[in-house]
Amino acid sequence: MFASAELYLFPSQQLTMHLFTDEVALARQIQSSSNRVQIKVHEVPSWGWPDATLLRFRAINEYATDINGDLACWLDADMLVVRSTGDELTPKEWVKGLAFVRHPGYWRPTGSRQIRTWLKQPRALASDILWNLTGKKPLGAWEDNDQSRAYVMAKQRWDYVCGGAWSGLTDRILQMSEVLAVRTDEDLANNLVARWHDESHINWYLAHNAATLLGPEYCYERTYPHLQVIEPRIEAVNKGAEVSTARQEVNQISR
């Protein structure tokens, strides 16, 4: 991910990458030959699953004083930046200074692109019909437990976004992280874990705060057939069978 970001992420800007890890010695072996990219390594506990993803807001809060600059972007470590990304964005125009990414699994094309997708991928059509029959619109994996601090009422469920990629003006990102860290800890104090961990809390935040929505090209997943109509910018790596392929892609990008 670092190799691809060094080439393609905000290529005309100075970039600091904050790496949260329990493998500090290994992380510090990552070196950059670029004059525009700096790496800062932040040690976090060996939380295990699902705390390693759920407690990301706590980690951000702990190192908040080290996070500066105009814009902050979160990317999960299992991402590749596959083409020039960042300079096309207009953060100063983002609603409330925040931008979330429509979840690639629940985003759908519209109009003629939707029809073409269904014709090429009849399984996608069948899946959408089954979902509509359940009456669970709009699409999304919302938190249904009303005891959780990530719970979103049905009337507030509009746009479901992913937890692996989000951006904003730095002060807004830090404010959001502080709020979600508190709410996550409140759940844990009550022996509750949201259905989709940090992503559930992100979607609670969006349900209660206005923000700009970016397309799934910023968190592309190649296994979703309905995404074939768009060109990816940032791609989520499959953690299973495609790991070796992803490593080859990183090597190619590095060269």
Protein backbone atom coordinates (compact mmCIF):
# COMPACT_ATOMS: atom_id res chain seq x y z
CA MET A 1 0.00 0.00 0.00
CA PHE A 2 2.79 2.40 0.85
CA ALA A 3 4.54 1.82 -2.48
CA SER A 4 1.35 2.51 -4.43
CA ALA A 5 0.48 5.58 -2.33
CA GLU A 6 3.94 7.03 -2.83
CA LEU A 7 3.38 6.96 -6.56
CA TYR A 8 -0.29 7.86 -6.88
CA LEU A 9 -1.79 9.38 -3.72
CA PHE A 10 -1.97 13.19 -3.84
CA PRO A 11 1.03 13.17 -6.22
CA SER A 12 1.43 16.96 -6.26
CA GLN A 13 1.33 17.33 -2.46
CA GLN A 14 3.57 16.72 0.52
CA LEU A 15 2.34 13.57 2.22
CA THR A 16 2.71 12.17 5.73
CA MET A 17 1.62 8.58 6.26
CA HIS A 18 0.68 7.61 9.83
CA LEU A 19 1.06 3.88 10.35
CA PHE A 20 -0.75 2.37 13.36
CA THR A 21 0.76 -1.00 14.21
CA ASP A 22 1.92 -3.37 16.93
CA GLU A 23 4.93 -4.34 14.76
CA VAL A 24 6.92 -1.15 15.33
CA ALA A 25 10.38 -2.51 14.51
CA LEU A 26 9.15 -4.03 11.28
CA ALA A 27 7.22 -0.91 10.34
CA ARG A 28 10.28 1.29 10.77
CA GLN A 29 12.08 -0.72 8.12
CA ILE A 30 9.81 0.91 5.56
CA GLN A 31 11.85 3.67 4.00
CA SER A 32 10.96 6.26 1.43
CA SER A 33 13.24 7.61 -1.26
CA SER A 34 10.68 10.33 -1.99
CA ASN A 35 11.20 13.91 -0.81
CA ARG A 36 7.45 14.41 -0.51
CA VAL A 37 6.48 11.46 1.69
CA GLN A 38 7.18 11.02 5.40
CA ILE A 39 6.24 8.00 7.50
CA LYS A 40 5.28 8.24 11.17
CA VAL A 41 4.92 4.98 13.08
CA HIS A 42 2.47 4.88 16.00
CA GLU A 43 2.49 1.88 18.33
CA VAL A 44 -0.84 0.34 19.30
CA PRO A 45 -1.52 -2.79 21.37
CA SER A 46 -1.91 -6.25 19.84
CA TRP A 47 -5.66 -5.95 20.03
CA GLY A 48 -6.66 -8.99 18.00
CA TRP A 49 -10.01 -9.29 16.23
CA PRO A 50 -12.27 -7.33 16.12
CA ASP A 51 -10.65 -4.76 18.41
CA ALA A 52 -7.88 -4.05 15.90
CA THR A 53 -10.44 -2.49 13.59
CA LEU A 54 -13.06 -1.42 16.15
CA LEU A 55 -10.65 0.67 18.23
CA ARG A 56 -9.12 2.70 15.40
CA PHE A 57 -10.78 5.86 16.72
CA ARG A 58 -9.14 5.34 20.09
CA ALA A 59 -5.76 5.03 18.33
CA ILE A 60 -6.32 8.21 16.34
CA ASN A 61 -7.23 10.06 19.52
CA GLU A 62 -4.10 8.88 21.30
CA TYR A 63 -1.86 10.34 18.61
CA ALA A 64 -4.06 13.29 17.63
CA THR A 65 -1.38 15.86 18.47
CA ASP A 66 0.90 14.25 15.85
CA ILE A 67 -1.73 14.45 13.12
CA ASN A 68 -1.67 17.81 11.37
CA GLY A 69 -1.78 19.27 7.90
CA ASP A 70 -4.82 20.46 5.98
CA LEU A 71 -6.39 17.13 5.08
CA ALA A 72 -6.52 13.72 6.75
CA CYS A 73 -7.46 10.50 4.97
CA TRP A 74 -7.97 7.07 6.50
CA LEU A 75 -7.08 4.03 4.39
CA ASP A 76 -7.07 0.47 5.64
CA ALA A 77 -3.68 -1.17 5.21
CA ASP A 78 -5.06 -3.69 2.69
CA MET A 79 -5.49 -1.09 -0.04
CA LEU A 80 -3.70 -0.30 -3.28
CA VAL A 81 -3.83 3.11 -4.95
CA VAL A 82 -4.02 2.08 -8.60
CA ARG A 83 -4.04 5.46 -10.38
CA SER A 84 -3.45 9.12 -9.66
CA THR A 85 -5.78 10.03 -6.81
CA GLY A 86 -6.36 13.12 -4.72
CA ASP A 87 -5.76 16.09 -6.97
CA GLU A 88 -9.24 15.68 -8.46
CA LEU A 89 -10.84 16.14 -5.04
CA THR A 90 -12.12 19.48 -3.74
CA PRO A 91 -11.98 19.24 0.09
CA LYS A 92 -12.82 22.91 0.59
CA GLU A 93 -16.19 22.20 -1.02
CA TRP A 94 -16.97 19.10 1.04
CA VAL A 95 -20.09 19.38 3.15
CA LYS A 96 -19.01 20.06 6.76
CA GLY A 97 -15.45 19.28 5.67
CA LEU A 98 -15.99 15.51 5.50
CA ALA A 99 -16.16 12.94 2.70
CA PHE A 100 -17.20 9.29 2.98
CA VAL A 101 -17.09 6.59 0.30
CA ARG A 102 -20.21 4.78 -0.82
CA HIS A 103 -19.82 1.13 0.15
CA PRO A 104 -18.82 -0.84 -2.98
CA GLY A 105 -21.09 -3.74 -2.05
CA TYR A 106 -24.21 -1.60 -1.71
CA TRP A 107 -23.66 1.07 -4.33
CA ARG A 108 -25.59 0.61 -7.57
CA PRO A 109 -25.28 2.33 -10.96
CA THR A 110 -28.31 4.19 -12.19
CA GLY A 111 -30.21 4.47 -15.45
CA SER A 112 -28.86 2.64 -18.48
CA ARG A 113 -25.73 1.56 -16.62
CA GLN A 114 -27.93 -0.30 -14.11
CA ILE A 115 -29.76 -2.11 -16.91
CA ARG A 116 -26.49 -3.06 -18.63
CA THR A 117 -25.14 -4.41 -15.37
CA TRP A 118 -28.22 -6.56 -14.80
CA LEU A 119 -28.07 -7.89 -18.38
CA LYS A 120 -24.41 -8.85 -18.00
CA GLN A 121 -24.75 -10.05 -14.42
CA PRO A 122 -28.11 -11.77 -13.90
CA ARG A 123 -27.00 -12.90 -10.43
CA ALA A 124 -26.75 -9.23 -9.42
CA LEU A 125 -30.31 -8.69 -10.63
CA ALA A 126 -31.52 -11.70 -8.64
CA SER A 127 -29.73 -10.45 -5.53
CA ASP A 128 -31.27 -6.98 -5.81
CA ILE A 129 -34.76 -8.44 -6.32
CA LEU A 130 -34.39 -10.60 -3.21
CA TRP A 131 -33.21 -7.62 -1.19
CA ASN A 132 -36.17 -5.50 -2.32
CA LEU A 133 -38.56 -8.31 -1.41
CA THR A 134 -37.30 -8.21 2.18
CA GLY A 135 -38.32 -4.56 2.39
CA LYS A 136 -34.89 -3.61 3.78
CA LYS A 137 -34.29 -0.53 1.67
CA PRO A 138 -31.95 1.21 1.18
CA LEU A 139 -29.09 -1.22 0.78
CA GLY A 140 -26.71 -1.48 3.72
CA ALA A 141 -25.55 -3.54 6.71
CA TRP A 142 -26.95 -1.20 9.36
CA GLU A 143 -26.69 -1.82 13.08
CA ASP A 144 -30.07 -3.20 14.19
CA ASN A 145 -29.46 -3.50 17.95
CA ASP A 146 -31.03 -0.40 19.45
CA GLN A 147 -28.89 -0.87 22.57
CA SER A 148 -25.73 -0.18 20.59
CA ARG A 149 -24.39 3.35 20.21
CA ALA A 150 -24.02 2.57 16.49
CA TYR A 151 -27.76 1.93 16.02
CA VAL A 152 -29.40 3.83 13.17
CA MET A 153 -33.18 4.16 13.04
CA ALA A 154 -34.86 3.00 9.83
CA LYS A 155 -35.98 6.52 8.89
CA GLN A 156 -32.32 7.71 9.06
CA ARG A 157 -30.94 4.97 6.79
CA TRP A 158 -30.09 6.61 3.49
CA ASP A 159 -26.54 6.18 2.24
CA TYR A 160 -24.38 3.33 3.53
CA VAL A 161 -20.64 4.00 3.40
CA CYS A 162 -17.54 1.88 3.90
CA GLY A 163 -15.26 1.96 6.93
CA GLY A 164 -12.01 1.39 5.04
CA ALA A 165 -11.67 4.79 3.36
CA TRP A 166 -12.79 8.24 4.52
CA SER A 167 -11.39 11.75 4.44
CA GLY A 168 -11.86 15.23 5.76
CA LEU A 169 -10.31 18.45 6.90
CA THR A 170 -7.97 17.39 9.70
CA ASP A 171 -9.79 19.16 12.52
CA ARG A 172 -13.09 17.60 11.43
CA ILE A 173 -11.57 14.11 11.27
CA LEU A 174 -10.14 14.49 14.77
CA GLN A 175 -13.48 15.76 16.09
CA MET A 176 -15.29 12.79 14.56
CA SER A 177 -12.73 10.31 15.89
CA GLU A 178 -13.11 11.71 19.39
CA VAL A 179 -16.90 11.30 19.27
CA LEU A 180 -16.75 7.76 17.87
CA ALA A 181 -14.04 6.65 20.30
CA VAL A 182 -16.32 7.60 23.20
CA ARG A 183 -19.33 5.85 21.68
CA THR A 184 -17.32 2.72 20.92
CA ASP A 185 -16.05 2.58 24.50
CA GLU A 186 -19.60 3.03 25.78
CA ASP A 187 -20.65 -0.03 23.79
CA LEU A 188 -17.74 -2.06 25.13
CA ALA A 189 -18.58 -1.04 28.70
CA ASN A 190 -22.00 -2.61 28.09
CA ASN A 191 -20.51 -5.75 26.48
CA LEU A 192 -21.72 -4.68 23.06
CA VAL A 193 -19.89 -4.81 19.73
CA ALA A 194 -21.54 -3.22 16.71
CA ARG A 195 -22.40 -5.52 13.82
CA TRP A 196 -19.72 -4.17 11.51
CA HIS A 197 -17.46 -2.69 14.15
CA ASP A 198 -15.96 0.71 13.21
CA GLU A 199 -17.97 0.80 9.96
CA SER A 200 -21.20 0.67 11.95
CA HIS A 201 -20.11 3.67 14.01
CA ILE A 202 -19.07 5.55 10.86
CA ASN A 203 -22.55 5.02 9.42
CA TRP A 204 -24.15 6.22 12.65
CA TYR A 205 -22.06 9.39 12.34
CA LEU A 206 -23.11 9.96 8.73
CA ALA A 207 -26.76 9.42 9.66
CA HIS A 208 -26.48 12.32 12.13
CA ASN A 209 -24.03 14.61 10.32
CA ALA A 210 -24.04 15.95 6.78
CA ALA A 211 -21.06 15.09 4.56
CA THR A 212 -20.00 14.69 0.95
CA LEU A 213 -20.26 11.21 -0.57
CA LEU A 214 -17.63 9.89 -2.96
CA GLY A 215 -18.11 7.01 -5.39
CA PRO A 216 -16.90 3.44 -4.80
CA GLU A 217 -13.91 4.01 -7.07
CA TYR A 218 -12.21 5.12 -3.85
CA CYS A 219 -12.73 1.69 -2.27
CA TYR A 220 -13.10 -0.60 -5.26
CA GLU A 221 -13.57 -4.34 -4.80
CA ARG A 222 -13.07 -6.38 -7.96
CA THR A 223 -15.37 -9.25 -6.90
CA TYR A 224 -18.48 -7.05 -7.10
CA PRO A 225 -19.88 -7.43 -10.65
CA HIS A 226 -21.85 -4.17 -10.55
CA LEU A 227 -18.60 -2.19 -10.17
CA GLN A 228 -17.37 -3.14 -13.63
CA VAL A 229 -18.88 0.06 -15.03
CA ILE A 230 -16.46 2.28 -13.08
CA GLU A 231 -12.68 2.74 -13.10
CA PRO A 232 -11.03 2.22 -9.70
CA ARG A 233 -8.71 4.66 -8.01
CA ILE A 234 -8.17 2.81 -4.71
CA GLU A 235 -8.70 -0.92 -4.56
CA ALA A 236 -9.31 -3.13 -1.53
CA VAL A 237 -7.11 -6.22 -1.60
CA ASN A 238 -8.80 -9.56 -1.02
CA LYS A 239 -7.20 -10.92 2.15
CA GLY A 240 -7.62 -14.52 1.04
CA ALA A 241 -6.78 -16.11 -2.30
CA GLU A 242 -5.59 -12.89 -3.96
CA VAL A 243 -2.85 -11.98 -1.49
CA SER A 244 -0.06 -13.27 -3.72
CA THR A 245 -1.51 -11.36 -6.69
CA ALA A 246 -1.62 -8.19 -4.60
CA ARG A 247 2.03 -8.62 -3.64
CA GLN A 248 2.94 -8.93 -7.32
CA GLU A 249 1.01 -5.73 -8.04
CA VAL A 250 2.86 -3.89 -5.29
CA ASN A 251 6.19 -5.07 -6.68
CA GLN A 252 5.21 -3.88 -10.13
CA ILE A 253 4.16 -0.48 -8.78
CA SER A 254 7.41 -0.19 -6.81
CA ARG A 255 9.43 -0.77 -9.94
